[in-house]
Amino acid sequence: MKNVKMSLCPACTACPEVEIVGDEIRIGEAGNLVVLKKDEWNVLVDLIASGRVSKL
């Protein structure tokens, strides 16, 4: 997969980002960052798609 970077707030560049780099998905910002491996990310996506995780 190619590297992808997207802001969690498309209206600005100061908000946390989701960055896909190789087999890692980095969510957050410096000092407040979570790193998921591809398989962990896929579990999260499946949970969202199945409706088991939804908007708060």
PDB file of N, CA and C in Angstrom:
ATOM      1  N   MET A   1       0.854  -1.184   0.000  1.00  0.00           N
ATOM      2  CA  MET A   1       0.000   0.000   0.000  1.00  0.00           C
ATOM      3  C   MET A   1       0.896   1.241   0.000  1.00  0.00           C
ATOM      4  N   LYS A   2       0.512   2.227  -0.764  1.00  0.00           N
ATOM      5  CA  LYS A   2       1.296   3.454  -0.791  1.00  0.00           C
ATOM      6  C   LYS A   2       1.024   4.285   0.457  1.00  0.00           C
ATOM      7  N   ASN A   3       1.922   5.186   0.759  1.00  0.00           N
ATOM      8  CA  ASN A   3       1.765   6.055   1.917  1.00  0.00           C
ATOM      9  C   ASN A   3       0.611   7.025   1.706  1.00  0.00           C
ATOM     10  N   VAL A   4      -0.205   7.174   2.746  1.00  0.00           N
ATOM     11  CA  VAL A   4      -1.371   8.055   2.701  1.00  0.00           C
ATOM     12  C   VAL A   4      -1.406   8.852   3.992  1.00  0.00           C
ATOM     13  N   LYS A   5      -1.763  10.129   3.898  1.00  0.00           N
ATOM     14  CA  LYS A   5      -1.901  10.966   5.084  1.00  0.00           C
ATOM     15  C   LYS A   5      -3.173  11.775   4.949  1.00  0.00           C
ATOM     16  N   MET A   6      -4.001  11.761   6.028  1.00  0.00           N
ATOM     17  CA  MET A   6      -5.233  12.547   6.004  1.00  0.00           C
ATOM     18  C   MET A   6      -5.461  13.158   7.373  1.00  0.00           C
ATOM     19  N   SER A   7      -6.009  14.345   7.396  1.00  0.00           N
ATOM     20  CA  SER A   7      -6.313  15.031   8.642  1.00  0.00           C
ATOM     21  C   SER A   7      -7.661  14.558   9.171  1.00  0.00           C
ATOM     22  N   LEU A   8      -7.789  14.487  10.501  1.00  0.00           N
ATOM     23  CA  LEU A   8      -9.086  14.160  11.096  1.00  0.00           C
ATOM     24  C   LEU A   8     -10.019  15.360  11.069  1.00  0.00           C
ATOM     25  N   CYS A   9      -9.500  16.500  10.666  1.00  0.00           N
ATOM     26  CA  CYS A   9     -10.304  17.711  10.487  1.00  0.00           C
ATOM     27  C   CYS A   9      -9.898  18.331   9.159  1.00  0.00           C
ATOM     28  N   PRO A  10     -10.605  18.016   8.091  1.00  0.00           N
ATOM     29  CA  PRO A  10     -10.206  18.511   6.770  1.00  0.00           C
ATOM     30  C   PRO A  10     -10.203  20.035   6.641  1.00  0.00           C
ATOM     31  N   ALA A  11     -10.770  20.748   7.622  1.00  0.00           N
ATOM     32  CA  ALA A  11     -10.843  22.208   7.537  1.00  0.00           C
ATOM     33  C   ALA A  11      -9.547  22.888   7.950  1.00  0.00           C
ATOM     34  N   CYS A  12      -8.600  22.130   8.544  1.00  0.00           N
ATOM     35  CA  CYS A  12      -7.348  22.775   8.970  1.00  0.00           C
ATOM     36  C   CYS A  12      -6.204  21.776   8.936  1.00  0.00           C
ATOM     37  N   THR A  13      -5.023  22.236   9.285  1.00  0.00           N
ATOM     38  CA  THR A  13      -3.856  21.360   9.323  1.00  0.00           C
ATOM     39  C   THR A  13      -3.298  21.212  10.729  1.00  0.00           C
ATOM     40  N   ALA A  14      -4.009  21.706  11.733  1.00  0.00           N
ATOM     41  CA  ALA A  14      -3.525  21.649  13.116  1.00  0.00           C
ATOM     42  C   ALA A  14      -4.085  20.452  13.880  1.00  0.00           C
ATOM     43  N   CYS A  15      -4.997  19.707  13.309  1.00  0.00           N
ATOM     44  CA  CYS A  15      -5.642  18.587  13.996  1.00  0.00           C
ATOM     45  C   CYS A  15      -4.851  17.299  13.794  1.00  0.00           C
ATOM     46  N   PRO A  16      -5.127  16.275  14.607  1.00  0.00           N
ATOM     47  CA  PRO A  16      -4.445  14.993  14.454  1.00  0.00           C
ATOM     48  C   PRO A  16      -4.651  14.414  13.057  1.00  0.00           C
ATOM     49  N   GLU A  17      -3.711  13.559  12.677  1.00  0.00           N
ATOM     50  CA  GLU A  17      -3.747  12.946  11.351  1.00  0.00           C
ATOM     51  C   GLU A  17      -3.788  11.435  11.449  1.00  0.00           C
ATOM     52  N   VAL A  18      -4.236  10.821  10.381  1.00  0.00           N
ATOM     53  CA  VAL A  18      -4.101   9.385  10.178  1.00  0.00           C
ATOM     54  C   VAL A  18      -3.090   9.241   9.048  1.00  0.00           C
ATOM     55  N   GLU A  19      -2.020   8.509   9.325  1.00  0.00           N
ATOM     56  CA  GLU A  19      -0.973   8.341   8.320  1.00  0.00           C
ATOM     57  C   GLU A  19      -0.705   6.858   8.139  1.00  0.00           C
ATOM     58  N   ILE A  20      -0.797   6.397   6.902  1.00  0.00           N
ATOM     59  CA  ILE A  20      -0.500   5.010   6.577  1.00  0.00           C
ATOM     60  C   ILE A  20       0.876   4.982   5.943  1.00  0.00           C
ATOM     61  N   VAL A  21       1.786   4.270   6.605  1.00  0.00           N
ATOM     62  CA  VAL A  21       3.165   4.157   6.129  1.00  0.00           C
ATOM     63  C   VAL A  21       3.536   2.681   6.169  1.00  0.00           C
ATOM     64  N   GLY A  22       3.624   2.085   5.005  1.00  0.00           N
ATOM     65  CA  GLY A  22       3.929   0.656   4.943  1.00  0.00           C
ATOM     66  C   GLY A  22       2.836  -0.151   5.627  1.00  0.00           C
ATOM     67  N   ASP A  23       3.218  -0.957   6.618  1.00  0.00           N
ATOM     68  CA  ASP A  23       2.267  -1.790   7.359  1.00  0.00           C
ATOM     69  C   ASP A  23       1.842  -1.157   8.667  1.00  0.00           C
ATOM     70  N   GLU A  24       2.112   0.137   8.853  1.00  0.00           N
ATOM     71  CA  GLU A  24       1.726   0.835  10.079  1.00  0.00           C
ATOM     72  C   GLU A  24       0.714   1.928   9.793  1.00  0.00           C
ATOM     73  N   ILE A  25      -0.204   2.092  10.720  1.00  0.00           N
ATOM     74  CA  ILE A  25      -1.156   3.188  10.657  1.00  0.00           C
ATOM     75  C   ILE A  25      -0.930   4.014  11.910  1.00  0.00           C
ATOM     76  N   ARG A  26      -0.579   5.279  11.731  1.00  0.00           N
ATOM     77  CA  ARG A  26      -0.284   6.177  12.843  1.00  0.00           C
ATOM     78  C   ARG A  26      -1.438   7.159  12.977  1.00  0.00           C
ATOM     79  N   ILE A  27      -2.009   7.209  14.177  1.00  0.00           N
ATOM     80  CA  ILE A  27      -3.149   8.083  14.426  1.00  0.00           C
ATOM     81  C   ILE A  27      -2.775   9.028  15.554  1.00  0.00           C
ATOM     82  N   GLY A  28      -2.877  10.323  15.308  1.00  0.00           N
ATOM     83  CA  GLY A  28      -2.603  11.314  16.349  1.00  0.00           C
ATOM     84  C   GLY A  28      -1.596  12.346  15.912  1.00  0.00           C
ATOM     85  N   GLU A  29      -0.785  12.741  16.895  1.00  0.00           N
ATOM     86  CA  GLU A  29       0.202  13.790  16.674  1.00  0.00           C
ATOM     87  C   GLU A  29       1.360  13.544  17.625  1.00  0.00           C
ATOM     88  N   ALA A  30       2.452  14.247  17.433  1.00  0.00           N
ATOM     89  CA  ALA A  30       3.628  14.072  18.283  1.00  0.00           C
ATOM     90  C   ALA A  30       3.239  14.179  19.753  1.00  0.00           C
ATOM     91  N   GLY A  31       3.695  13.224  20.556  1.00  0.00           N
ATOM     92  CA  GLY A  31       3.384  13.209  21.971  1.00  0.00           C
ATOM     93  C   GLY A  31       2.049  12.569  22.309  1.00  0.00           C
ATOM     94  N   ASN A  32       1.231  12.298  21.300  1.00  0.00           N
ATOM     95  CA  ASN A  32      -0.087  11.693  21.500  1.00  0.00           C
ATOM     96  C   ASN A  32      -0.396  10.846  20.265  1.00  0.00           C
ATOM     97  N   LEU A  33       0.314   9.735  20.157  1.00  0.00           N
ATOM     98  CA  LEU A  33       0.281   8.948  18.930  1.00  0.00           C
ATOM     99  C   LEU A  33       0.000   7.485  19.245  1.00  0.00           C
ATOM    100  N   VAL A  34      -0.870   6.872  18.472  1.00  0.00           N
ATOM    101  CA  VAL A  34      -1.088   5.423  18.542  1.00  0.00           C
ATOM    102  C   VAL A  34      -0.654   4.844  17.195  1.00  0.00           C
ATOM    103  N   VAL A  35      -0.005   3.699  17.244  1.00  0.00           N
ATOM    104  CA  VAL A  35       0.448   3.030  16.030  1.00  0.00           C
ATOM    105  C   VAL A  35      -0.204   1.659  15.973  1.00  0.00           C
ATOM    106  N   LEU A  36      -0.937   1.422  14.896  1.00  0.00           N
ATOM    107  CA  LEU A  36      -1.583   0.130  14.673  1.00  0.00           C
ATOM    108  C   LEU A  36      -0.867  -0.584  13.541  1.00  0.00           C
ATOM    109  N   LYS A  37      -0.763  -1.887  13.654  1.00  0.00           N
ATOM    110  CA  LYS A  37      -0.280  -2.701  12.546  1.00  0.00           C
ATOM    111  C   LYS A  37      -1.453  -2.939  11.592  1.00  0.00           C
ATOM    112  N   LYS A  38      -1.150  -3.384  10.385  1.00  0.00           N
ATOM    113  CA  LYS A  38      -2.177  -3.585   9.358  1.00  0.00           C
ATOM    114  C   LYS A  38      -3.320  -4.466   9.860  1.00  0.00           C
ATOM    115  N   ASP A  39      -3.003  -5.574  10.527  1.00  0.00           N
ATOM    116  CA  ASP A  39      -4.052  -6.478  11.009  1.00  0.00           C
ATOM    117  C   ASP A  39      -4.930  -5.813  12.064  1.00  0.00           C
ATOM    118  N   GLU A  40      -4.335  -5.009  12.950  1.00  0.00           N
ATOM    119  CA  GLU A  40      -5.112  -4.298  13.973  1.00  0.00           C
ATOM    120  C   GLU A  40      -6.034  -3.269  13.323  1.00  0.00           C
ATOM    121  N   TRP A  41      -5.530  -2.564  12.337  1.00  0.00           N
ATOM    122  CA  TRP A  41      -6.331  -1.587  11.598  1.00  0.00           C
ATOM    123  C   TRP A  41      -7.513  -2.269  10.932  1.00  0.00           C
ATOM    124  N   ASN A  42      -7.251  -3.425  10.314  1.00  0.00           N
ATOM    125  CA  ASN A  42      -8.322  -4.144   9.622  1.00  0.00           C
ATOM    126  C   ASN A  42      -9.407  -4.600  10.583  1.00  0.00           C
ATOM    127  N   VAL A  43      -9.040  -4.995  11.811  1.00  0.00           N
ATOM    128  CA  VAL A  43     -10.038  -5.346  12.826  1.00  0.00           C
ATOM    129  C   VAL A  43     -10.889  -4.126  13.146  1.00  0.00           C
ATOM    130  N   LEU A  44     -10.259  -2.979  13.333  1.00  0.00           N
ATOM    131  CA  LEU A  44     -10.999  -1.741  13.620  1.00  0.00           C
ATOM    132  C   LEU A  44     -11.958  -1.406  12.479  1.00  0.00           C
ATOM    133  N   VAL A  45     -11.493  -1.484  11.260  1.00  0.00           N
ATOM    134  CA  VAL A  45     -12.348  -1.200  10.100  1.00  0.00           C
ATOM    135  C   VAL A  45     -13.520  -2.175  10.056  1.00  0.00           C
ATOM    136  N   ASP A  46     -13.267  -3.454  10.311  1.00  0.00           N
ATOM    137  CA  ASP A  46     -14.351  -4.445  10.317  1.00  0.00           C
ATOM    138  C   ASP A  46     -15.371  -4.147  11.417  1.00  0.00           C
ATOM    139  N   LEU A  47     -14.912  -3.739  12.594  1.00  0.00           N
ATOM    140  CA  LEU A  47     -15.828  -3.400  13.691  1.00  0.00           C
ATOM    141  C   LEU A  47     -16.709  -2.205  13.327  1.00  0.00           C
ATOM    142  N   ILE A  48     -16.126  -1.221  12.677  1.00  0.00           N
ATOM    143  CA  ILE A  48     -16.899  -0.048  12.254  1.00  0.00           C
ATOM    144  C   ILE A  48     -17.910  -0.448  11.174  1.00  0.00           C
ATOM    145  N   ALA A  49     -17.446  -1.208  10.185  1.00  0.00           N
ATOM    146  CA  ALA A  49     -18.311  -1.609   9.074  1.00  0.00           C
ATOM    147  C   ALA A  49     -19.474  -2.486   9.539  1.00  0.00           C
ATOM    148  N   SER A  50     -19.252  -3.293  10.582  1.00  0.00           N
ATOM    149  CA  SER A  50     -20.311  -4.184  11.068  1.00  0.00           C
ATOM    150  C   SER A  50     -21.283  -3.483  12.000  1.00  0.00           C
ATOM    151  N   GLY A  51     -20.958  -2.248  12.382  1.00  0.00           N
ATOM    152  CA  GLY A  51     -21.836  -1.490  13.270  1.00  0.00           C
ATOM    153  C   GLY A  51     -21.565  -1.719  14.747  1.00  0.00           C
ATOM    154  N   ARG A  52     -20.569  -2.557  15.077  1.00  0.00           N
ATOM    155  CA  ARG A  52     -20.245  -2.806  16.483  1.00  0.00           C
ATOM    156  C   ARG A  52     -19.540  -1.624  17.113  1.00  0.00           C
ATOM    157  N   VAL A  53     -18.928  -0.784  16.294  1.00  0.00           N
ATOM    158  CA  VAL A  53     -18.347   0.488  16.748  1.00  0.00           C
ATOM    159  C   VAL A  53     -19.044   1.573  15.931  1.00  0.00           C
ATOM    160  N   SER A  54     -19.594   2.561  16.608  1.00  0.00           N
ATOM    161  CA  SER A  54     -20.328   3.615  15.890  1.00  0.00           C
ATOM    162  C   SER A  54     -20.016   4.980  16.485  1.00  0.00           C
ATOM    163  N   LYS A  55     -20.622   5.987  15.921  1.00  0.00           N
ATOM    164  CA  LYS A  55     -20.425   7.349  16.401  1.00  0.00           C
ATOM    165  C   LYS A  55     -20.851   7.467  17.859  1.00  0.00           C
ATOM    166  N   LEU A  56     -20.180   8.340  18.571  1.00  0.00           N
ATOM    167  CA  LEU A  56     -20.539   8.605  19.969  1.00  0.00           C
ATOM    168  C   LEU A  56     -21.484   9.764  20.046  1.00  0.00           C
TER     169      LEU A  56
END
